[in-house]
Amino acid sequence: MEKIKIFVATHKIAPNYGDSCYQMVHVGAENSKIEIPNAIKDNCCSDNISAKNDIYCELTGLYHIWKNVNDILYVGLCHYRRLPATRVGVIAKKEVLSASQLLMMLDTCDIILPKMAKKNGVINGYFVKDDTSIENYRPYKLMLPVIKELYPDYVEDFKTEFHTQEMSYGNIMVCSKKLFDEYCKWLFNILFKVEHDILSSGDHVEPRELGYYSEWLLNVWVRHQRLNVKYVPLFLPERPSVIKRIINKISK
């Protein structure tokens, strides 16, 4: 049995970082015309949601790992432009955590997540700053009834999460496959019901919407499970430099 595999979600050809435990997974492969070398496809098995990548984002890769990856003790998901690292970096490939480093961390924690970041108001249209508006906030309004119905013991932790100042972003995680499977069952039970409720109401699911919702839900689940978390920095190979951002801003 393989000890650890970290799946790197990508929708395009991208450099490989990290050691051999990192495996590219082509998310949204069902509707993609791109061939990504050395990447497995999230539609390579019959049980997949690859065609819904436009609303589920990297979760189509998460679903693939849950349903079709076995015989691995520890699994994880990250992104081609966000990888777990020893410190925040934008250039040094050596900053990406190795299999041995990850396994050493997992000896003393339940799950590895990115370091928490401040919510800082609206990000991609889904994160609110004003607590007074939360009850009218679309993700809150849509997910709360579903959680009340399916997992009522999570309600208080769900509400608490929307009033905290920080959270882990990106659906990036590493943990045992057993814990991973438990999380995915909980997560997709909620998201599939939310999707069904939106469509049944005559509304439509916005692009990337359910992918964003899951960022809240991962934090809710970790909070409720009272997991021992190891927070790590992220290696950001595509993050623009300060100079580049200034030039782009000036040129607009």
Protein backbone atom coordinates (compact mmCIF):
# COMPACT_ATOMS: atom_id res chain seq x y z
CA MET A 1 0.00 0.00 0.00
CA GLU A 2 1.29 3.44 -0.95
CA LYS A 3 1.83 5.73 2.02
CA ILE A 4 0.91 9.15 0.65
CA LYS A 5 -0.27 10.82 -2.56
CA ILE A 6 -1.05 14.51 -3.01
CA PHE A 7 -3.23 15.28 -6.02
CA VAL A 8 -2.56 18.59 -7.75
CA ALA A 9 -5.68 19.97 -9.40
CA THR A 10 -5.08 21.67 -12.71
CA HIS A 11 -7.09 22.59 -15.80
CA LYS A 12 -4.05 23.42 -17.92
CA ILE A 13 -0.47 22.33 -18.60
CA ALA A 14 1.60 23.43 -15.63
CA PRO A 15 5.04 22.70 -14.14
CA ASN A 16 5.41 19.79 -11.74
CA TYR A 17 6.55 20.74 -8.25
CA GLY A 18 7.48 18.64 -5.27
CA ASP A 19 8.63 15.04 -5.13
CA SER A 20 7.03 11.89 -6.51
CA CYS A 21 4.11 11.99 -4.04
CA TYR A 22 2.58 14.85 -6.06
CA GLN A 23 0.28 13.69 -8.86
CA MET A 24 -1.39 16.04 -11.33
CA VAL A 25 -5.13 15.54 -11.78
CA HIS A 26 -6.86 17.14 -14.75
CA VAL A 27 -10.08 18.61 -13.36
CA GLY A 28 -12.93 19.25 -15.75
CA ALA A 29 -11.42 16.78 -18.20
CA GLU A 30 -14.87 15.75 -19.47
CA ASN A 31 -15.35 19.05 -21.29
CA SER A 32 -11.71 19.89 -21.93
CA LYS A 33 -9.87 19.65 -25.25
CA ILE A 34 -6.46 19.94 -23.56
CA GLU A 35 -4.19 16.96 -22.96
CA ILE A 36 -2.08 17.41 -19.84
CA PRO A 37 1.04 15.20 -19.76
CA ASN A 38 1.46 12.99 -16.68
CA ALA A 39 -1.98 13.94 -15.34
CA ILE A 40 -4.77 11.55 -14.50
CA LYS A 41 -8.23 12.69 -15.56
CA ASP A 42 -11.12 13.29 -13.19
CA ASN A 43 -13.40 11.47 -15.67
CA CYS A 44 -11.22 8.38 -16.08
CA CYS A 45 -13.65 6.27 -14.03
CA SER A 46 -17.39 5.87 -14.44
CA ASP A 47 -18.21 7.47 -11.07
CA ASN A 48 -17.30 11.11 -11.62
CA ILE A 49 -18.68 14.67 -11.65
CA SER A 50 -16.11 16.01 -14.12
CA ALA A 51 -18.75 17.63 -16.34
CA LYS A 52 -19.78 19.87 -13.42
CA ASN A 53 -16.33 21.40 -12.99
CA ASP A 54 -17.70 24.84 -13.89
CA ILE A 55 -19.67 24.93 -10.63
CA TYR A 56 -17.64 22.54 -8.45
CA CYS A 57 -14.11 23.66 -9.44
CA GLU A 58 -11.36 21.50 -7.88
CA LEU A 59 -14.03 19.42 -6.11
CA THR A 60 -14.37 17.31 -9.25
CA GLY A 61 -10.84 16.17 -8.43
CA LEU A 62 -11.76 15.71 -4.76
CA TYR A 63 -14.70 13.54 -5.79
CA HIS A 64 -12.46 11.43 -8.03
CA ILE A 65 -10.03 10.80 -5.16
CA TRP A 66 -12.88 9.86 -2.84
CA LYS A 67 -14.58 7.43 -5.20
CA ASN A 68 -11.73 5.98 -7.21
CA VAL A 69 -8.44 6.16 -5.29
CA ASN A 70 -7.72 3.29 -2.91
CA ASP A 71 -4.76 1.55 -1.27
CA ILE A 72 -3.20 4.82 -0.08
CA LEU A 73 -2.88 5.61 3.61
CA TYR A 74 -2.81 9.41 3.30
CA VAL A 75 -4.16 11.59 0.52
CA GLY A 76 -4.39 15.28 -0.17
CA LEU A 77 -5.55 17.88 -2.64
CA CYS A 78 -3.84 21.12 -3.64
CA HIS A 79 -3.57 23.28 -6.78
CA TYR A 80 -1.02 23.77 -9.52
CA ARG A 81 -0.49 27.28 -8.18
CA ARG A 82 -0.93 26.59 -4.44
CA LEU A 83 1.09 23.81 -2.83
CA PRO A 84 1.90 23.04 0.84
CA ALA A 85 5.35 24.37 1.69
CA THR A 86 7.89 25.02 4.43
CA ARG A 87 7.42 28.77 4.07
CA VAL A 88 5.62 31.19 1.79
CA GLY A 89 7.43 31.32 -1.53
CA VAL A 90 6.94 32.25 -5.15
CA ILE A 91 10.06 30.83 -6.80
CA ALA A 92 11.87 28.14 -4.83
CA LYS A 93 10.64 24.68 -5.83
CA LYS A 94 12.43 23.23 -2.81
CA GLU A 95 9.90 24.92 -0.52
CA VAL A 96 7.22 22.35 -1.42
CA LEU A 97 6.77 19.84 1.40
CA SER A 98 8.08 16.35 0.63
CA ALA A 99 6.35 13.06 1.37
CA SER A 100 8.61 12.46 4.37
CA GLN A 101 7.91 15.94 5.77
CA LEU A 102 4.16 15.52 5.35
CA LEU A 103 4.18 12.07 6.96
CA MET A 104 6.17 13.39 9.90
CA MET A 105 3.55 16.10 10.43
CA LEU A 106 0.73 13.57 10.17
CA ASP A 107 2.28 11.57 13.00
CA THR A 108 1.28 14.40 15.35
CA CYS A 109 -1.87 15.86 13.74
CA ASP A 110 -5.14 14.77 12.14
CA ILE A 111 -5.08 17.05 9.11
CA ILE A 112 -2.83 19.54 7.32
CA LEU A 113 -4.43 22.77 6.07
CA PRO A 114 -3.15 26.08 4.68
CA LYS A 115 -2.45 28.76 7.24
CA MET A 116 -5.57 30.73 8.02
CA ALA A 117 -6.02 34.06 6.28
CA LYS A 118 -8.21 37.03 7.11
CA LYS A 119 -11.46 37.12 5.23
CA ASN A 120 -10.93 40.80 4.41
CA GLY A 121 -14.37 41.50 3.03
CA VAL A 122 -15.51 40.33 -0.38
CA ILE A 123 -13.27 37.85 -2.18
CA ASN A 124 -14.52 36.52 -5.52
CA GLY A 125 -17.99 37.67 -4.51
CA TYR A 126 -18.45 35.09 -1.78
CA PHE A 127 -16.94 36.38 1.47
CA VAL A 128 -18.70 39.09 3.46
CA LYS A 129 -17.27 41.61 5.88
CA ASP A 130 -20.38 42.90 7.64
CA ASP A 131 -21.74 40.41 10.21
CA THR A 132 -25.17 42.05 10.07
CA SER A 133 -25.62 40.94 6.46
CA ILE A 134 -24.79 37.28 7.00
CA GLU A 135 -28.37 36.05 7.33
CA ASN A 136 -29.12 37.46 3.87
CA TYR A 137 -25.87 36.17 2.41
CA ARG A 138 -26.55 33.64 -0.38
CA PRO A 139 -24.16 30.85 0.78
CA TYR A 140 -25.48 31.12 4.33
CA LYS A 141 -29.13 31.14 3.27
CA LEU A 142 -28.71 28.17 0.93
CA MET A 143 -26.54 25.95 3.11
CA LEU A 144 -28.12 26.49 6.53
CA PRO A 145 -31.47 24.75 5.78
CA VAL A 146 -29.63 21.80 4.25
CA ILE A 147 -27.35 21.42 7.26
CA LYS A 148 -30.36 21.69 9.58
CA GLU A 149 -32.02 18.88 7.65
CA LEU A 150 -29.06 16.55 7.08
CA TYR A 151 -26.63 17.32 9.91
CA PRO A 152 -28.41 19.30 12.64
CA ASP A 153 -25.56 18.80 15.11
CA TYR A 154 -23.37 20.94 12.81
CA VAL A 155 -25.63 23.99 12.86
CA GLU A 156 -23.90 25.91 15.66
CA ASP A 157 -20.44 25.32 14.23
CA PHE A 158 -21.73 26.38 10.82
CA LYS A 159 -23.05 29.65 12.25
CA THR A 160 -19.85 30.23 14.21
CA GLU A 161 -17.73 29.84 11.09
CA PHE A 162 -19.48 32.75 9.40
CA HIS A 163 -18.60 35.06 12.28
CA THR A 164 -14.91 34.21 12.56
CA GLN A 165 -12.26 36.55 11.17
CA GLU A 166 -10.06 33.94 9.50
CA MET A 167 -10.35 30.67 7.58
CA SER A 168 -8.30 28.24 5.51
CA TYR A 169 -8.92 28.78 1.81
CA GLY A 170 -8.62 26.75 -1.37
CA ASN A 171 -9.95 23.31 -0.39
CA ILE A 172 -6.35 22.32 0.25
CA MET A 173 -5.95 19.45 2.70
CA VAL A 174 -3.89 16.38 3.59
CA CYS A 175 -5.11 13.64 5.94
CA SER A 176 -5.68 9.91 6.22
CA LYS A 177 -7.79 8.40 3.42
CA LYS A 178 -10.25 7.23 6.07
CA LEU A 179 -10.79 10.75 7.38
CA PHE A 180 -10.82 12.10 3.81
CA ASP A 181 -13.61 9.70 2.84
CA GLU A 182 -15.66 10.66 5.88
CA TYR A 183 -15.33 14.32 4.99
CA CYS A 184 -16.23 13.79 1.32
CA LYS A 185 -19.38 11.85 2.18
CA TRP A 186 -20.51 14.68 4.48
CA LEU A 187 -19.49 17.42 2.02
CA PHE A 188 -21.13 16.04 -1.11
CA ASN A 189 -24.32 15.10 0.72
CA ILE A 190 -24.65 18.79 1.53
CA LEU A 191 -23.53 20.23 -1.81
CA PHE A 192 -25.63 17.90 -3.96
CA LYS A 193 -28.69 18.86 -1.91
CA VAL A 194 -27.84 22.57 -2.21
CA GLU A 195 -27.44 22.17 -5.97
CA HIS A 196 -30.77 20.33 -6.18
CA ASP A 197 -32.54 23.01 -4.13
CA ILE A 198 -31.16 25.84 -6.27
CA LEU A 199 -32.24 24.19 -9.52
CA SER A 200 -35.64 23.16 -8.09
CA SER A 201 -36.33 26.77 -7.19
CA GLY A 202 -35.91 27.83 -10.83
CA ASP A 203 -32.62 29.57 -10.08
CA HIS A 204 -29.25 28.60 -11.53
CA VAL A 205 -25.93 27.76 -9.92
CA GLU A 206 -23.35 30.49 -10.49
CA PRO A 207 -19.94 29.60 -11.98
CA ARG A 208 -17.62 28.20 -9.29
CA GLU A 209 -20.33 28.67 -6.66
CA LEU A 210 -20.31 25.24 -5.04
CA GLY A 211 -16.53 25.19 -5.07
CA TYR A 212 -16.56 28.37 -2.99
CA TYR A 213 -19.21 27.00 -0.64
CA SER A 214 -17.01 24.03 0.14
CA GLU A 215 -14.26 26.33 1.42
CA TRP A 216 -16.64 27.31 4.21
CA LEU A 217 -17.70 23.72 4.75
CA LEU A 218 -14.18 22.33 5.16
CA ASN A 219 -13.61 24.80 7.97
CA VAL A 220 -16.99 23.94 9.51
CA TRP A 221 -16.24 20.21 9.41
CA VAL A 222 -12.77 20.60 10.94
CA ARG A 223 -14.22 22.81 13.68
CA HIS A 224 -17.03 20.37 14.48
CA GLN A 225 -14.76 17.33 14.46
CA ARG A 226 -12.34 19.13 16.82
CA LEU A 227 -9.45 17.95 14.69
CA ASN A 228 -5.82 18.54 15.57
CA VAL A 229 -4.71 20.75 12.68
CA LYS A 230 -1.24 21.53 11.38
CA TYR A 231 -1.36 24.81 9.45
CA VAL A 232 1.32 25.27 6.77
CA PRO A 233 2.32 28.03 4.34
CA LEU A 234 1.71 27.73 0.60
CA PHE A 235 4.16 27.79 -2.28
CA LEU A 236 2.67 30.15 -4.88
CA PRO A 237 4.55 29.65 -8.16
CA GLU A 238 2.26 31.90 -10.21
CA ARG A 239 1.79 34.74 -7.74
CA PRO A 240 2.80 38.00 -9.45
CA SER A 241 5.60 40.00 -7.90
CA VAL A 242 4.88 43.31 -6.22
CA ILE A 243 6.62 45.11 -9.09
CA LYS A 244 4.50 43.32 -11.70
CA ARG A 245 1.31 44.18 -9.85
CA ILE A 246 2.32 47.83 -9.63
CA ILE A 247 3.11 47.94 -13.36
CA ASN A 248 -0.21 46.31 -14.21
CA LYS A 249 -2.07 48.79 -12.02
CA ILE A 250 -0.31 51.79 -13.55
CA SER A 251 -0.88 50.58 -17.10
CA LYS A 252 -4.66 50.34 -16.67
